[in-house]
């Protein structure tokens, strides 16, 4: 276990110290680490209104995927973070440069990685490969940038991806899927229709 933690720290330091935060590359890394997730959320909104996602089954898929990702982010990662309480690299590792200000909270698992990988995995399961690839590449970019920026260890990203796989595996199949569609997806579609946000 100690060897894995040491490897985690060495990879982090190598990546973090390879880029100057004040350089154009460093500023780009900082932008990706913080802001690209909002660009990806805008893509979700556009996807809702796309003609390719106009059927109820397709919109249920989109809602189910977002809800599962949200559960992974807001419930599972928060619980694991409170239980494990691994400090962020910039708090406890000498030599780590913090590219941008970040609140001091838990590092493991990465909630950004959990959320974005859960979206990617969910879209792949639903056979929506375009959205799957968009969010998979986005998850890789954001996760890499957050390691370089000193917000996370590489192991935090791996942990987030594993949590994402677990949440998606539970939420996209069987009884859980039926309950999500019946009590969350269908009511939301009805509300969106009432508000003229869905045809």
Protein backbone atom coordinates (compact mmCIF):
# COMPACT_ATOMS: atom_id res chain seq x y z
CA UNK A 1 0.00 0.00 0.00
CA UNK A 2 2.81 2.40 0.87
CA UNK A 3 4.45 1.72 -2.50
CA UNK A 4 1.24 2.64 -4.31
CA UNK A 5 0.90 5.85 -2.32
CA UNK A 6 4.53 6.73 -3.05
CA UNK A 7 3.98 6.09 -6.76
CA UNK A 8 0.84 8.22 -6.63
CA UNK A 9 2.85 11.07 -5.13
CA UNK A 10 5.76 10.74 -7.55
CA UNK A 11 3.50 10.85 -10.61
CA UNK A 12 1.68 13.85 -9.16
CA UNK A 13 4.92 15.76 -8.54
CA UNK A 14 6.28 14.92 -11.99
CA UNK A 15 3.18 16.25 -13.71
CA UNK A 16 2.69 19.24 -11.43
CA UNK A 17 6.28 20.43 -11.69
CA UNK A 18 6.46 19.96 -15.46
CA UNK A 19 4.28 23.00 -16.14
CA UNK A 20 4.75 26.59 -15.02
CA UNK A 21 1.39 27.87 -13.67
CA UNK A 22 2.11 31.35 -15.08
CA UNK A 23 2.87 30.10 -18.61
CA UNK A 24 0.25 29.94 -21.38
CA UNK A 25 0.20 26.15 -21.03
CA UNK A 26 -0.26 26.47 -17.28
CA UNK A 27 -3.15 28.89 -17.76
CA UNK A 28 -4.74 26.52 -20.27
CA UNK A 29 -4.39 23.64 -17.79
CA UNK A 30 -6.02 25.78 -15.11
CA UNK A 31 -8.88 26.65 -17.45
CA UNK A 32 -9.48 23.00 -18.32
CA UNK A 33 -9.32 21.98 -14.65
CA UNK A 34 -12.01 24.45 -13.60
CA UNK A 35 -14.15 25.52 -16.53
CA UNK A 36 -14.43 22.70 -19.09
CA UNK A 37 -16.92 20.85 -16.91
CA UNK A 38 -19.33 23.77 -17.44
CA UNK A 39 -18.84 23.53 -21.20
CA UNK A 40 -19.76 19.85 -20.96
CA UNK A 41 -22.87 20.70 -18.92
CA UNK A 42 -23.91 23.10 -21.69
CA UNK A 43 -23.58 20.19 -24.13
CA UNK A 44 -26.06 18.25 -22.00
CA UNK A 45 -28.57 21.10 -22.29
CA UNK A 46 -28.09 21.22 -26.07
CA UNK A 47 -28.48 17.44 -26.22
CA UNK A 48 -31.88 17.69 -24.49
CA UNK A 49 -33.20 19.85 -27.33
CA UNK A 50 -31.57 17.90 -30.16
CA UNK A 51 -33.98 16.21 -32.57
CA UNK A 52 -32.06 12.96 -32.04
CA UNK A 53 -33.20 12.93 -28.39
CA UNK A 54 -36.86 13.79 -28.85
CA UNK A 55 -38.41 10.40 -27.99
CA UNK A 56 -39.39 9.60 -24.40
CA UNK A 57 -37.01 6.62 -24.28
CA UNK A 58 -34.08 8.79 -25.36
CA UNK A 59 -34.91 11.51 -22.87
CA UNK A 60 -35.34 8.95 -20.10
CA UNK A 61 -31.86 7.73 -20.98
CA UNK A 62 -30.46 11.26 -20.67
CA UNK A 63 -32.19 11.90 -17.33
CA UNK A 64 -31.16 8.50 -15.95
CA UNK A 65 -27.55 9.10 -16.93
CA UNK A 66 -27.45 12.55 -15.34
CA UNK A 67 -29.20 11.37 -12.15
CA UNK A 68 -26.81 8.44 -11.72
CA UNK A 69 -23.83 10.73 -12.27
CA UNK A 70 -25.27 13.17 -9.75
CA UNK A 71 -25.72 10.43 -7.16
CA UNK A 72 -22.12 9.40 -7.66
CA UNK A 73 -20.94 13.00 -7.28
CA UNK A 74 -23.17 14.32 -4.50
CA UNK A 75 -23.70 11.18 -2.42
CA UNK A 76 -21.07 8.49 -2.95
CA UNK A 77 -17.97 10.69 -3.30
CA UNK A 78 -19.05 12.88 -0.36
CA UNK A 79 -19.51 9.80 1.84
CA UNK A 80 -16.17 8.28 0.81
CA UNK A 81 -14.41 11.62 1.19
CA UNK A 82 -15.72 12.05 4.74
CA UNK A 83 -14.75 8.46 5.57
CA UNK A 84 -11.24 8.45 4.06
CA UNK A 85 -10.46 12.17 4.39
CA UNK A 86 -7.40 12.29 2.17
CA UNK A 87 -6.02 15.83 2.07
CA UNK A 88 -5.47 17.50 -1.26
CA UNK A 89 -1.91 17.39 -2.65
CA UNK A 90 -1.31 21.13 -2.26
CA UNK A 91 -2.07 20.78 1.46
CA UNK A 92 0.27 17.95 2.36
CA UNK A 93 2.91 17.36 -0.32
CA UNK A 94 6.02 19.50 -0.34
CA UNK A 95 6.79 21.02 -3.73
CA UNK A 96 3.27 20.88 -5.17
CA UNK A 97 2.25 24.11 -6.86
CA UNK A 98 -1.41 25.09 -6.71
CA UNK A 99 -2.30 26.56 -10.10
CA UNK A 100 -5.52 28.16 -8.87
CA UNK A 101 -7.14 28.66 -5.50
CA UNK A 102 -9.11 25.63 -4.33
CA UNK A 103 -10.95 25.08 -1.07
CA UNK A 104 -9.32 22.70 1.38
CA UNK A 105 -11.45 19.57 1.45
CA UNK A 106 -11.07 15.88 0.65
CA UNK A 107 -9.12 14.66 -2.35
CA UNK A 108 -10.25 11.03 -2.72
CA UNK A 109 -12.18 10.20 -4.79
CA UNK A 110 -12.31 12.98 -7.37
CA UNK A 111 -15.90 14.18 -7.68
CA UNK A 112 -15.19 15.71 -11.10
CA UNK A 113 -13.85 12.39 -12.37
CA UNK A 114 -16.77 10.50 -10.85
CA UNK A 115 -19.37 12.78 -12.41
CA UNK A 116 -17.84 12.98 -15.89
CA UNK A 117 -16.88 9.31 -16.18
CA UNK A 118 -20.36 8.32 -14.96
CA UNK A 119 -21.88 10.40 -17.74
CA UNK A 120 -19.55 8.84 -20.31
CA UNK A 121 -20.18 5.27 -19.11
CA UNK A 122 -23.93 5.88 -18.99
CA UNK A 123 -24.04 7.16 -22.55
CA UNK A 124 -21.96 4.22 -23.77
CA UNK A 125 -24.34 1.78 -22.06
CA UNK A 126 -27.26 3.58 -23.70
CA UNK A 127 -25.48 3.15 -27.05
CA UNK A 128 -25.18 6.91 -27.54
CA UNK A 129 -21.58 6.81 -28.69
CA UNK A 130 -21.24 10.47 -29.75
CA UNK A 131 -22.12 11.74 -26.28
CA UNK A 132 -20.21 8.87 -24.71
CA UNK A 133 -16.99 9.85 -26.49
CA UNK A 134 -17.48 13.57 -25.84
CA UNK A 135 -17.77 12.99 -22.10
CA UNK A 136 -15.08 10.32 -21.98
CA UNK A 137 -12.54 12.60 -23.63
CA UNK A 138 -13.77 15.47 -21.46
CA UNK A 139 -13.35 13.34 -18.33
CA UNK A 140 -9.78 12.46 -19.32
CA UNK A 141 -8.87 16.09 -20.05
CA UNK A 142 -10.41 17.50 -16.88
CA UNK A 143 -8.96 14.73 -14.71
CA UNK A 144 -5.46 15.15 -16.15
CA UNK A 145 -5.63 18.93 -15.72
CA UNK A 146 -6.74 18.59 -12.10
CA UNK A 147 -3.75 16.38 -11.33
CA UNK A 148 -1.34 18.78 -13.05
CA UNK A 149 -2.95 21.67 -11.16
CA UNK A 150 -2.27 19.98 -7.81
CA UNK A 151 -5.94 19.44 -6.95
CA UNK A 152 -5.79 15.62 -7.06
CA UNK A 153 -3.50 12.63 -6.97
CA UNK A 154 -3.72 10.23 -9.95
CA UNK A 155 -5.20 7.68 -7.56
CA UNK A 156 -8.09 10.05 -6.84
CA UNK A 157 -8.96 9.96 -10.54
CA UNK A 158 -8.79 6.17 -10.68
CA UNK A 159 -11.01 6.03 -7.59
CA UNK A 160 -13.49 8.40 -9.19
CA UNK A 161 -13.65 6.31 -12.35
CA UNK A 162 -14.25 3.15 -10.30
CA UNK A 163 -17.03 4.84 -8.32
CA UNK A 164 -18.54 6.00 -11.63
CA UNK A 165 -18.51 2.44 -12.97
CA UNK A 166 -20.16 1.13 -9.81
CA UNK A 167 -22.90 3.78 -9.77
CA UNK A 168 -23.64 3.35 -13.47
CA UNK A 169 -23.64 -0.43 -13.14
CA UNK A 170 -26.26 -0.25 -10.40
CA UNK A 171 -28.35 2.58 -11.81
CA UNK A 172 -28.69 1.57 -15.45
CA UNK A 173 -30.01 -1.94 -15.01
CA UNK A 174 -32.85 -3.88 -13.41
CA UNK A 175 -35.10 -2.59 -10.66
CA UNK A 176 -33.09 0.56 -9.96
CA UNK A 177 -33.45 1.63 -13.57
CA UNK A 178 -37.22 1.05 -13.45
CA UNK A 179 -37.57 3.10 -10.27
CA UNK A 180 -35.47 5.97 -11.62
CA UNK A 181 -37.48 6.11 -14.83
CA UNK A 182 -40.85 5.88 -13.09
CA UNK A 183 -40.31 8.28 -10.21
CA UNK A 184 -37.74 10.68 -11.64
CA UNK A 185 -37.54 10.47 -15.42
CA UNK A 186 -41.23 10.39 -16.38
CA UNK A 187 -42.26 13.18 -13.94
CA UNK A 188 -39.42 15.39 -15.18
CA UNK A 189 -40.41 14.83 -18.80
CA UNK A 190 -44.02 15.72 -17.95
CA UNK A 191 -42.87 18.87 -16.17
CA UNK A 192 -40.64 19.82 -19.09
CA UNK A 193 -43.53 19.32 -21.49
CA UNK A 194 -45.77 21.48 -19.30
CA UNK A 195 -43.13 24.21 -19.31
CA UNK A 196 -42.66 23.78 -23.06
CA UNK A 197 -39.10 22.59 -22.60
CA UNK A 198 -39.90 19.32 -24.33
CA UNK A 199 -42.02 18.61 -27.37
